[in-house]
N, C-alpha and C. Protein backbone atom coordinates (compact mmCIF):
# COMPACT_ATOMS: atom_id res chain seq x y z
N UNK A 1 -3.08 -52.28 19.25
CA UNK A 1 -3.41 -50.98 18.74
C UNK A 1 -4.93 -50.84 18.74
N UNK A 2 -5.41 -49.81 19.38
CA UNK A 2 -6.86 -49.59 19.48
C UNK A 2 -7.19 -48.17 19.04
N UNK A 3 -8.25 -48.04 18.25
CA UNK A 3 -8.72 -46.73 17.78
C UNK A 3 -10.06 -46.47 18.44
N UNK A 4 -10.22 -45.25 18.96
CA UNK A 4 -11.47 -44.90 19.64
C UNK A 4 -12.12 -43.71 18.94
N UNK A 5 -13.40 -43.89 18.59
CA UNK A 5 -14.22 -42.82 18.03
C UNK A 5 -15.08 -42.30 19.16
N UNK A 6 -15.04 -40.98 19.40
CA UNK A 6 -15.81 -40.39 20.51
C UNK A 6 -17.13 -39.79 20.06
N UNK A 7 -17.18 -39.24 18.82
CA UNK A 7 -18.44 -38.64 18.36
C UNK A 7 -18.60 -38.87 16.86
N UNK A 8 -19.75 -38.48 16.32
CA UNK A 8 -20.08 -38.75 14.92
C UNK A 8 -19.86 -37.55 14.00
N UNK A 9 -19.18 -36.52 14.46
CA UNK A 9 -18.94 -35.35 13.62
C UNK A 9 -18.00 -35.71 12.46
N UNK A 10 -18.43 -35.39 11.24
CA UNK A 10 -17.63 -35.64 10.04
C UNK A 10 -17.46 -34.30 9.32
N UNK A 11 -16.24 -34.04 8.88
CA UNK A 11 -15.92 -32.82 8.15
C UNK A 11 -15.66 -33.16 6.69
N UNK A 12 -16.29 -32.43 5.78
CA UNK A 12 -16.10 -32.65 4.35
C UNK A 12 -14.92 -31.81 3.86
N UNK A 13 -14.07 -32.44 3.04
CA UNK A 13 -12.94 -31.72 2.44
C UNK A 13 -12.92 -32.08 0.97
N UNK A 14 -12.76 -31.07 0.11
CA UNK A 14 -12.71 -31.33 -1.33
C UNK A 14 -11.30 -31.09 -1.83
N UNK A 15 -10.83 -32.03 -2.66
CA UNK A 15 -9.51 -31.89 -3.25
C UNK A 15 -9.64 -31.98 -4.77
N UNK A 16 -8.65 -31.48 -5.48
CA UNK A 16 -8.60 -31.59 -6.93
C UNK A 16 -7.75 -32.81 -7.29
N UNK A 17 -8.25 -33.62 -8.20
CA UNK A 17 -7.50 -34.78 -8.66
C UNK A 17 -6.51 -34.35 -9.74
N UNK A 18 -5.67 -35.29 -10.18
CA UNK A 18 -4.71 -35.00 -11.25
C UNK A 18 -5.41 -34.62 -12.53
N UNK A 19 -6.62 -35.13 -12.70
CA UNK A 19 -7.42 -34.82 -13.90
C UNK A 19 -8.15 -33.49 -13.80
N UNK A 20 -8.04 -32.85 -12.64
CA UNK A 20 -8.70 -31.55 -12.46
C UNK A 20 -10.11 -31.63 -11.94
N UNK A 21 -10.60 -32.83 -11.67
CA UNK A 21 -11.96 -32.97 -11.13
C UNK A 21 -11.91 -32.85 -9.60
N UNK A 22 -13.04 -32.60 -9.03
CA UNK A 22 -13.15 -32.44 -7.59
C UNK A 22 -13.51 -33.77 -6.94
N UNK A 23 -12.87 -34.07 -5.81
CA UNK A 23 -13.13 -35.31 -5.07
C UNK A 23 -13.45 -34.95 -3.63
N UNK A 24 -14.58 -35.43 -3.13
CA UNK A 24 -14.97 -35.16 -1.75
C UNK A 24 -14.42 -36.25 -0.84
N UNK A 25 -13.76 -35.83 0.23
CA UNK A 25 -13.27 -36.73 1.26
C UNK A 25 -13.91 -36.31 2.58
N UNK A 26 -14.10 -37.26 3.45
CA UNK A 26 -14.74 -37.01 4.74
C UNK A 26 -13.79 -37.42 5.84
N UNK A 27 -13.65 -36.56 6.84
CA UNK A 27 -12.72 -36.81 7.93
C UNK A 27 -13.47 -36.88 9.26
N UNK A 28 -13.06 -37.85 10.07
CA UNK A 28 -13.64 -38.03 11.39
C UNK A 28 -12.51 -38.14 12.40
N UNK A 29 -12.62 -37.38 13.47
CA UNK A 29 -11.58 -37.39 14.50
C UNK A 29 -11.65 -38.67 15.32
N UNK A 30 -10.47 -39.13 15.73
CA UNK A 30 -10.37 -40.34 16.53
C UNK A 30 -9.12 -40.24 17.40
N UNK A 31 -8.94 -41.25 18.24
CA UNK A 31 -7.73 -41.37 19.07
C UNK A 31 -7.19 -42.77 18.88
N UNK A 32 -5.87 -42.89 18.87
CA UNK A 32 -5.24 -44.20 18.71
C UNK A 32 -4.25 -44.44 19.84
N UNK A 33 -4.26 -45.64 20.37
CA UNK A 33 -3.33 -46.03 21.43
C UNK A 33 -2.29 -46.97 20.82
N UNK A 34 -1.02 -46.52 20.83
CA UNK A 34 0.09 -47.32 20.32
C UNK A 34 1.22 -47.26 21.34
N UNK A 35 1.68 -48.41 21.77
CA UNK A 35 2.82 -48.47 22.71
C UNK A 35 2.62 -47.57 23.93
N UNK A 36 1.48 -47.67 24.57
CA UNK A 36 1.16 -46.90 25.78
C UNK A 36 1.11 -45.39 25.54
N UNK A 37 1.00 -44.96 24.29
CA UNK A 37 0.87 -43.54 23.97
C UNK A 37 -0.44 -43.34 23.22
N UNK A 38 -1.21 -42.32 23.61
CA UNK A 38 -2.48 -42.02 22.96
C UNK A 38 -2.32 -40.75 22.14
N UNK A 39 -2.71 -40.81 20.86
CA UNK A 39 -2.56 -39.68 19.95
C UNK A 39 -3.87 -39.39 19.26
N UNK A 40 -4.12 -38.11 18.95
CA UNK A 40 -5.26 -37.72 18.14
C UNK A 40 -4.92 -37.97 16.68
N UNK A 41 -5.89 -38.54 15.94
CA UNK A 41 -5.71 -38.79 14.52
C UNK A 41 -6.98 -38.39 13.77
N UNK A 42 -6.92 -38.44 12.46
CA UNK A 42 -8.07 -38.19 11.60
C UNK A 42 -8.23 -39.40 10.68
N UNK A 43 -9.42 -39.97 10.65
CA UNK A 43 -9.75 -41.06 9.74
C UNK A 43 -10.35 -40.43 8.49
N UNK A 44 -9.76 -40.68 7.33
CA UNK A 44 -10.23 -40.12 6.06
C UNK A 44 -10.94 -41.21 5.28
N UNK A 45 -12.12 -40.88 4.74
CA UNK A 45 -12.89 -41.85 3.97
C UNK A 45 -13.68 -41.15 2.89
N UNK A 46 -14.15 -41.91 1.92
CA UNK A 46 -14.95 -41.34 0.83
C UNK A 46 -16.44 -41.35 1.15
N UNK A 47 -16.82 -42.14 2.13
CA UNK A 47 -18.22 -42.28 2.54
C UNK A 47 -18.53 -41.27 3.64
N UNK A 48 -19.58 -40.44 3.50
CA UNK A 48 -19.88 -39.45 4.53
C UNK A 48 -20.48 -40.03 5.81
N UNK A 49 -20.87 -41.31 5.79
CA UNK A 49 -21.46 -41.94 6.97
C UNK A 49 -20.39 -42.10 8.06
N UNK A 50 -20.63 -41.52 9.24
CA UNK A 50 -19.60 -41.61 10.30
C UNK A 50 -19.57 -42.98 10.96
N UNK A 51 -18.40 -43.31 11.50
CA UNK A 51 -18.31 -44.47 12.37
C UNK A 51 -19.00 -44.11 13.68
N UNK A 52 -19.81 -45.00 14.26
CA UNK A 52 -20.43 -44.71 15.56
C UNK A 52 -19.36 -44.68 16.66
N UNK A 53 -19.62 -43.95 17.74
CA UNK A 53 -18.68 -43.96 18.87
C UNK A 53 -18.41 -45.39 19.34
N UNK A 54 -17.16 -45.65 19.68
CA UNK A 54 -16.79 -46.97 20.15
C UNK A 54 -15.31 -47.24 19.93
N UNK A 55 -14.91 -48.48 20.21
CA UNK A 55 -13.52 -48.89 20.07
C UNK A 55 -13.39 -49.79 18.85
N UNK A 56 -12.32 -49.56 18.07
CA UNK A 56 -12.14 -50.24 16.79
C UNK A 56 -10.70 -50.73 16.63
N UNK A 57 -10.54 -51.63 15.65
CA UNK A 57 -9.24 -52.07 15.18
C UNK A 57 -9.20 -51.83 13.67
N UNK A 58 -8.00 -51.86 13.09
CA UNK A 58 -7.87 -51.72 11.64
C UNK A 58 -8.17 -53.05 10.96
N UNK A 59 -8.99 -53.01 9.93
CA UNK A 59 -9.30 -54.19 9.14
C UNK A 59 -8.10 -54.51 8.26
N UNK A 60 -7.92 -55.79 7.94
CA UNK A 60 -6.76 -56.20 7.12
C UNK A 60 -6.76 -55.55 5.74
N UNK A 61 -7.93 -55.13 5.23
CA UNK A 61 -7.98 -54.46 3.91
C UNK A 61 -7.36 -53.07 3.95
N UNK A 62 -7.00 -52.57 5.14
CA UNK A 62 -6.33 -51.28 5.27
C UNK A 62 -4.88 -51.36 4.81
N UNK A 63 -4.37 -52.56 4.58
CA UNK A 63 -2.95 -52.76 4.28
C UNK A 63 -2.77 -53.49 2.96
N UNK A 64 -1.59 -53.31 2.37
CA UNK A 64 -1.20 -54.08 1.19
C UNK A 64 0.32 -54.19 1.16
N UNK A 65 0.82 -55.11 0.35
CA UNK A 65 2.26 -55.29 0.16
C UNK A 65 2.60 -54.76 -1.22
N UNK A 66 3.55 -53.82 -1.29
CA UNK A 66 3.90 -53.22 -2.58
C UNK A 66 4.85 -54.10 -3.38
N UNK A 67 5.27 -53.60 -4.54
CA UNK A 67 6.12 -54.40 -5.45
C UNK A 67 7.49 -54.72 -4.86
N UNK A 68 7.89 -54.03 -3.78
CA UNK A 68 9.16 -54.28 -3.12
C UNK A 68 8.98 -55.10 -1.83
N UNK A 69 7.79 -55.68 -1.66
CA UNK A 69 7.43 -56.47 -0.49
C UNK A 69 7.39 -55.68 0.81
N UNK A 70 7.20 -54.38 0.69
CA UNK A 70 7.07 -53.52 1.87
C UNK A 70 5.59 -53.42 2.25
N UNK A 71 5.31 -53.47 3.53
CA UNK A 71 3.94 -53.33 4.02
C UNK A 71 3.55 -51.85 3.98
N UNK A 72 2.44 -51.54 3.33
CA UNK A 72 1.95 -50.17 3.21
C UNK A 72 0.51 -50.11 3.71
N UNK A 73 0.07 -48.90 4.06
CA UNK A 73 -1.30 -48.72 4.53
C UNK A 73 -2.11 -47.94 3.50
N UNK A 74 -3.30 -48.45 3.20
CA UNK A 74 -4.27 -47.72 2.38
C UNK A 74 -5.06 -46.82 3.33
N UNK A 75 -6.22 -46.41 2.91
CA UNK A 75 -7.13 -45.70 3.81
C UNK A 75 -7.56 -46.64 4.93
N UNK A 76 -7.71 -46.08 6.11
CA UNK A 76 -8.09 -46.89 7.26
C UNK A 76 -9.53 -47.39 7.12
N UNK A 77 -9.71 -48.69 7.33
CA UNK A 77 -11.02 -49.31 7.41
C UNK A 77 -11.12 -49.87 8.81
N UNK A 78 -12.12 -49.40 9.57
CA UNK A 78 -12.25 -49.79 10.97
C UNK A 78 -13.27 -50.90 11.16
N UNK A 79 -12.97 -51.79 12.11
CA UNK A 79 -13.92 -52.84 12.52
C UNK A 79 -14.11 -52.72 14.03
N UNK A 80 -15.37 -52.82 14.49
CA UNK A 80 -15.63 -52.69 15.92
C UNK A 80 -14.95 -53.81 16.72
N UNK A 81 -14.42 -53.45 17.88
CA UNK A 81 -13.88 -54.46 18.80
C UNK A 81 -15.05 -55.13 19.52
N UNK A 82 -14.92 -56.41 19.77
CA UNK A 82 -16.01 -57.13 20.46
C UNK A 82 -15.89 -56.97 21.95
């Protein structure tokens, strides 16, 4: 699985939390290749600093195992491919 960032454009989106406060999220467009299929995706993060253009993989901190031992995904954390 490979994620490709083509440009550094980041879009700010604000959401309301359960407590009624405002939370800023930042979205960056990317493409992901899975099983010989390439799809457009959006990487959502709290940091406005964009990922530089390049090829990435998901860092292991992007995942966790829930109380039922099911693998779940948190927010995507990208690491550059060497």
